[in-house]
Amino acid sequence: MPRIVKKTANGLSIVRRLASAIRSDFASVGYDVSITSEPVSGTKLRRVFVTSELFSFMGLMEQQEYIWRIASRVLDPSDVLFVSMIVTVDPRHFPKSKPKPKRAKKTVASRR
């Protein structure tokens, strides 16, 4: 009897589904969200970063619970295993990038 093997999605397609659900959820409450991911070296896992000003109204545990609740709603339990971690970031915790100071031009003294 042939075995039926369930084809699993790769980590990137799982993150895309998750990102779409997170964007939709944040848009419904009127907040922008930035989502990026990166591969975990040597594995099939992905690390996900979620940045939004909505997090300024939540503690760290609330942020994690909110995002993982969305993840559990849209991903199968086997798909969640491809997400190594989800990092939630309040942009207020990072200073605005400062422009690098310009270096003074060197002047060459003339020889007489």
N, C-alpha and C. Protein backbone atom coordinates (compact mmCIF):
# COMPACT_ATOMS: atom_id res chain seq x y z
N MET A 1 0.85 -1.18 0.00
CA MET A 1 0.00 0.00 0.00
C MET A 1 0.89 1.24 0.00
N PRO A 2 0.65 2.20 -0.91
CA PRO A 2 1.49 3.39 -0.96
C PRO A 2 1.28 4.27 0.27
N ARG A 3 2.38 4.88 0.68
CA ARG A 3 2.29 5.81 1.82
C ARG A 3 1.93 7.19 1.31
N ILE A 4 1.11 7.87 2.06
CA ILE A 4 0.74 9.24 1.72
C ILE A 4 1.60 10.16 2.58
N VAL A 5 2.36 10.96 1.92
CA VAL A 5 3.26 11.87 2.62
C VAL A 5 2.74 13.28 2.43
N LYS A 6 2.52 13.95 3.55
CA LYS A 6 2.06 15.34 3.48
C LYS A 6 3.25 16.23 3.12
N LYS A 7 3.10 16.98 2.05
CA LYS A 7 4.16 17.90 1.66
C LYS A 7 4.10 19.11 2.57
N THR A 8 5.22 19.41 3.19
CA THR A 8 5.26 20.56 4.09
C THR A 8 5.77 21.78 3.34
N ALA A 9 5.30 22.92 3.73
CA ALA A 9 5.74 24.18 3.14
C ALA A 9 7.12 24.52 3.68
N ASN A 10 7.86 25.32 2.95
CA ASN A 10 9.16 25.73 3.48
C ASN A 10 8.96 26.90 4.45
N GLY A 11 10.01 27.20 5.18
CA GLY A 11 9.92 28.23 6.21
C GLY A 11 9.54 29.59 5.68
N LEU A 12 10.03 29.95 4.48
CA LEU A 12 9.74 31.28 3.95
C LEU A 12 8.27 31.43 3.60
N SER A 13 7.65 30.41 3.02
CA SER A 13 6.22 30.52 2.68
C SER A 13 5.36 30.58 3.95
N ILE A 14 5.81 29.91 4.98
CA ILE A 14 5.11 29.96 6.27
C ILE A 14 5.18 31.38 6.84
N VAL A 15 6.35 31.99 6.77
CA VAL A 15 6.53 33.35 7.28
C VAL A 15 5.69 34.33 6.46
N ARG A 16 5.58 34.11 5.17
CA ARG A 16 4.74 34.99 4.34
C ARG A 16 3.28 34.92 4.76
N ARG A 17 2.80 33.71 5.03
CA ARG A 17 1.41 33.57 5.50
C ARG A 17 1.23 34.26 6.84
N LEU A 18 2.19 34.06 7.74
CA LEU A 18 2.13 34.69 9.06
C LEU A 18 2.16 36.21 8.92
N ALA A 19 3.06 36.72 8.08
CA ALA A 19 3.18 38.18 7.90
C ALA A 19 1.90 38.77 7.35
N SER A 20 1.28 38.09 6.43
CA SER A 20 0.02 38.57 5.86
C SER A 20 -1.06 38.67 6.94
N ALA A 21 -1.15 37.66 7.79
CA ALA A 21 -2.14 37.67 8.87
C ALA A 21 -1.85 38.77 9.89
N ILE A 22 -0.58 38.97 10.21
CA ILE A 22 -0.21 40.01 11.18
C ILE A 22 -0.54 41.39 10.61
N ARG A 23 -0.19 41.63 9.34
CA ARG A 23 -0.49 42.93 8.72
C ARG A 23 -1.99 43.20 8.72
N SER A 24 -2.76 42.19 8.40
CA SER A 24 -4.22 42.33 8.37
C SER A 24 -4.76 42.65 9.76
N ASP A 25 -4.27 41.96 10.76
CA ASP A 25 -4.73 42.17 12.13
C ASP A 25 -4.37 43.57 12.62
N PHE A 26 -3.13 44.01 12.34
CA PHE A 26 -2.71 45.35 12.78
C PHE A 26 -3.48 46.44 12.03
N ALA A 27 -3.73 46.22 10.75
CA ALA A 27 -4.49 47.21 9.97
C ALA A 27 -5.91 47.35 10.51
N SER A 28 -6.48 46.27 11.02
CA SER A 28 -7.85 46.33 11.55
C SER A 28 -7.95 47.20 12.79
N VAL A 29 -6.83 47.39 13.50
CA VAL A 29 -6.84 48.28 14.67
C VAL A 29 -6.14 49.61 14.39
N GLY A 30 -5.77 49.82 13.10
CA GLY A 30 -5.24 51.12 12.69
C GLY A 30 -3.76 51.35 12.92
N TYR A 31 -2.95 50.30 12.93
CA TYR A 31 -1.51 50.46 13.14
C TYR A 31 -0.72 49.85 11.99
N ASP A 32 0.39 50.52 11.66
CA ASP A 32 1.32 49.98 10.69
C ASP A 32 2.22 48.97 11.39
N VAL A 33 2.75 48.08 10.61
CA VAL A 33 3.64 47.07 11.16
C VAL A 33 4.72 46.78 10.13
N SER A 34 5.92 46.55 10.61
CA SER A 34 7.03 46.15 9.75
C SER A 34 7.42 44.73 10.15
N ILE A 35 7.52 43.85 9.15
CA ILE A 35 7.85 42.46 9.44
C ILE A 35 9.00 42.04 8.55
N THR A 36 10.04 41.53 9.17
CA THR A 36 11.16 40.98 8.42
C THR A 36 11.49 39.61 9.00
N SER A 37 12.19 38.83 8.20
CA SER A 37 12.62 37.53 8.71
C SER A 37 13.99 37.22 8.14
N GLU A 38 14.65 36.29 8.78
CA GLU A 38 15.95 35.85 8.31
C GLU A 38 16.10 34.37 8.60
N PRO A 39 16.87 33.67 7.80
CA PRO A 39 17.07 32.25 8.07
C PRO A 39 17.97 32.05 9.27
N VAL A 40 17.73 30.98 10.00
CA VAL A 40 18.62 30.60 11.10
C VAL A 40 19.69 29.71 10.47
N SER A 41 20.91 30.13 10.57
CA SER A 41 22.02 29.46 9.90
C SER A 41 22.06 27.96 10.17
N GLY A 42 22.18 27.18 9.10
CA GLY A 42 22.33 25.73 9.22
C GLY A 42 21.04 24.97 9.49
N THR A 43 19.89 25.66 9.43
CA THR A 43 18.60 25.01 9.70
C THR A 43 17.58 25.41 8.64
N LYS A 44 16.39 24.86 8.75
CA LYS A 44 15.28 25.27 7.88
C LYS A 44 14.38 26.28 8.59
N LEU A 45 14.82 26.75 9.74
CA LEU A 45 14.01 27.65 10.56
C LEU A 45 14.17 29.10 10.12
N ARG A 46 13.19 29.92 10.50
CA ARG A 46 13.22 31.36 10.23
C ARG A 46 13.04 32.11 11.54
N ARG A 47 13.74 33.24 11.65
CA ARG A 47 13.62 34.15 12.78
C ARG A 47 12.81 35.34 12.26
N VAL A 48 11.75 35.74 13.01
CA VAL A 48 10.84 36.79 12.54
C VAL A 48 10.92 38.00 13.47
N PHE A 49 10.98 39.19 12.87
CA PHE A 49 11.02 40.45 13.63
C PHE A 49 9.77 41.26 13.28
N VAL A 50 9.02 41.66 14.29
CA VAL A 50 7.79 42.43 14.11
C VAL A 50 7.95 43.75 14.85
N THR A 51 7.85 44.86 14.12
CA THR A 51 8.02 46.19 14.71
C THR A 51 6.75 47.00 14.50
N SER A 52 6.21 47.57 15.60
CA SER A 52 5.02 48.41 15.48
C SER A 52 4.89 49.30 16.71
N GLU A 53 4.31 50.48 16.47
CA GLU A 53 4.04 51.39 17.59
C GLU A 53 2.93 50.86 18.49
N LEU A 54 2.14 49.91 18.00
CA LEU A 54 1.11 49.30 18.85
C LEU A 54 1.73 48.67 20.09
N PHE A 55 2.96 48.20 19.96
CA PHE A 55 3.62 47.55 21.08
C PHE A 55 3.93 48.51 22.23
N SER A 56 3.89 49.82 21.97
CA SER A 56 4.18 50.79 23.03
C SER A 56 3.10 50.77 24.11
N PHE A 57 1.94 50.18 23.79
CA PHE A 57 0.85 50.10 24.76
C PHE A 57 0.82 48.75 25.48
N MET A 58 1.78 47.89 25.20
CA MET A 58 1.77 46.53 25.75
C MET A 58 3.09 46.22 26.43
N GLY A 59 3.01 45.34 27.40
CA GLY A 59 4.22 44.80 27.98
C GLY A 59 4.78 43.73 27.05
N LEU A 60 6.00 43.28 27.33
CA LEU A 60 6.65 42.31 26.47
C LEU A 60 5.85 41.01 26.35
N MET A 61 5.32 40.52 27.45
CA MET A 61 4.55 39.27 27.41
C MET A 61 3.27 39.45 26.61
N GLU A 62 2.63 40.60 26.74
CA GLU A 62 1.41 40.87 25.95
C GLU A 62 1.72 40.91 24.46
N GLN A 63 2.86 41.51 24.11
CA GLN A 63 3.26 41.56 22.70
C GLN A 63 3.42 40.15 22.16
N GLN A 64 4.13 39.31 22.89
CA GLN A 64 4.37 37.93 22.45
C GLN A 64 3.06 37.14 22.36
N GLU A 65 2.22 37.29 23.36
CA GLU A 65 0.94 36.57 23.35
C GLU A 65 0.09 36.99 22.15
N TYR A 66 0.08 38.29 21.86
CA TYR A 66 -0.70 38.82 20.75
C TYR A 66 -0.24 38.22 19.42
N ILE A 67 1.06 38.23 19.19
CA ILE A 67 1.61 37.73 17.93
C ILE A 67 1.46 36.22 17.83
N TRP A 68 1.74 35.49 18.91
CA TRP A 68 1.63 34.03 18.85
C TRP A 68 0.18 33.58 18.74
N ARG A 69 -0.74 34.38 19.24
CA ARG A 69 -2.17 34.07 19.05
C ARG A 69 -2.53 34.13 17.57
N ILE A 70 -2.01 35.12 16.87
CA ILE A 70 -2.21 35.23 15.43
C ILE A 70 -1.57 34.03 14.73
N ALA A 71 -0.35 33.70 15.14
CA ALA A 71 0.37 32.58 14.52
C ALA A 71 -0.40 31.27 14.69
N SER A 72 -0.93 31.04 15.88
CA SER A 72 -1.65 29.78 16.12
C SER A 72 -2.98 29.74 15.36
N ARG A 73 -3.51 30.91 15.04
CA ARG A 73 -4.76 30.97 14.28
C ARG A 73 -4.55 30.64 12.80
N VAL A 74 -3.41 31.05 12.23
CA VAL A 74 -3.23 30.90 10.79
C VAL A 74 -2.27 29.77 10.38
N LEU A 75 -1.50 29.25 11.32
CA LEU A 75 -0.53 28.21 10.97
C LEU A 75 -0.91 26.87 11.61
N ASP A 76 -0.66 25.80 10.89
CA ASP A 76 -0.81 24.46 11.45
C ASP A 76 0.26 24.26 12.51
N PRO A 77 -0.01 23.42 13.50
CA PRO A 77 1.02 23.17 14.53
C PRO A 77 2.35 22.70 13.94
N SER A 78 2.32 21.93 12.87
CA SER A 78 3.58 21.48 12.26
C SER A 78 4.31 22.63 11.57
N ASP A 79 3.56 23.63 11.09
CA ASP A 79 4.19 24.78 10.44
C ASP A 79 4.84 25.72 11.45
N VAL A 80 4.29 25.78 12.64
CA VAL A 80 4.84 26.66 13.68
C VAL A 80 6.28 26.25 14.00
N LEU A 81 6.60 24.98 13.80
CA LEU A 81 7.94 24.49 14.11
C LEU A 81 9.01 25.11 13.22
N PHE A 82 8.62 25.71 12.09
CA PHE A 82 9.58 26.36 11.20
C PHE A 82 9.91 27.78 11.66
N VAL A 83 9.21 28.27 12.68
CA VAL A 83 9.47 29.61 13.21
C VAL A 83 10.32 29.45 14.46
N SER A 84 11.58 29.85 14.35
CA SER A 84 12.51 29.71 15.47
C SER A 84 12.10 30.61 16.63
N MET A 85 11.84 31.88 16.29
CA MET A 85 11.42 32.85 17.31
C MET A 85 10.76 34.03 16.62
N ILE A 86 9.95 34.73 17.39
CA ILE A 86 9.37 35.98 16.91
C ILE A 86 9.80 37.07 17.89
N VAL A 87 10.51 38.04 17.37
CA VAL A 87 10.99 39.16 18.19
C VAL A 87 10.04 40.32 17.96
N THR A 88 9.44 40.82 19.03
CA THR A 88 8.54 41.98 18.93
C THR A 88 9.31 43.22 19.38
N VAL A 89 9.19 44.29 18.59
CA VAL A 89 10.00 45.49 18.84
C VAL A 89 9.11 46.72 18.82
N ASP A 90 9.23 47.52 19.86
CA ASP A 90 8.60 48.85 19.91
C ASP A 90 9.64 49.82 19.36
N PRO A 91 9.36 50.51 18.26
CA PRO A 91 10.37 51.38 17.64
C PRO A 91 10.87 52.49 18.56
N ARG A 92 10.12 52.82 19.60
CA ARG A 92 10.57 53.87 20.53
C ARG A 92 11.80 53.43 21.32
N HIS A 93 12.07 52.13 21.37
CA HIS A 93 13.22 51.64 22.13
C HIS A 93 14.54 51.80 21.39
N PHE A 94 14.46 52.24 20.14
CA PHE A 94 15.67 52.44 19.36
C PHE A 94 15.80 53.90 19.01
N PRO A 95 16.98 54.47 19.26
CA PRO A 95 17.16 55.88 18.91
C PRO A 95 17.17 56.05 17.40
N LYS A 96 16.72 57.21 16.97
CA LYS A 96 16.77 57.53 15.55
C LYS A 96 18.25 57.52 15.13
N SER A 97 18.51 57.07 13.94
CA SER A 97 19.89 57.05 13.49
C SER A 97 20.39 58.48 13.32
N LYS A 98 21.57 58.71 13.81
CA LYS A 98 22.15 60.05 13.74
C LYS A 98 23.09 60.10 12.54
N PRO A 99 23.08 61.20 11.84
CA PRO A 99 24.02 61.30 10.71
C PRO A 99 25.45 61.33 11.23
N LYS A 100 26.34 60.73 10.47
CA LYS A 100 27.74 60.74 10.87
C LYS A 100 28.29 62.15 10.73
N PRO A 101 29.09 62.57 11.70
CA PRO A 101 29.66 63.92 11.58
C PRO A 101 30.62 63.99 10.40
N LYS A 102 30.59 65.12 9.73
CA LYS A 102 31.49 65.29 8.59
C LYS A 102 32.90 65.52 9.09
N ARG A 103 33.82 64.90 8.40
CA ARG A 103 35.21 65.07 8.78
C ARG A 103 35.71 66.40 8.23
N ALA A 104 36.49 67.06 9.03
CA ALA A 104 37.07 68.33 8.59
C ALA A 104 38.06 68.06 7.47
N LYS A 105 38.03 68.93 6.47
CA LYS A 105 38.96 68.78 5.37
C LYS A 105 40.36 69.15 5.83
N LYS A 106 41.28 68.35 5.40
CA LYS A 106 42.68 68.65 5.74
C LYS A 106 43.17 69.75 4.81
N THR A 107 43.85 70.69 5.40
CA THR A 107 44.43 71.74 4.59
C THR A 107 45.93 71.51 4.52
N VAL A 108 46.45 71.72 3.39
CA VAL A 108 47.89 71.53 3.20
C VAL A 108 48.56 72.89 3.31
N ALA A 109 49.49 72.98 4.22
CA ALA A 109 50.21 74.25 4.39
C ALA A 109 51.16 74.41 3.22
N SER A 110 51.20 75.59 2.68
CA SER A 110 52.08 75.83 1.55
C SER A 110 53.50 76.01 2.05
N ARG A 111 54.43 75.48 1.28
CA ARG A 111 55.85 75.62 1.65
C ARG A 111 56.42 76.84 0.94
N ARG A 112 57.21 77.58 1.65
CA ARG A 112 57.84 78.76 1.06
C ARG A 112 59.30 78.59 1.00
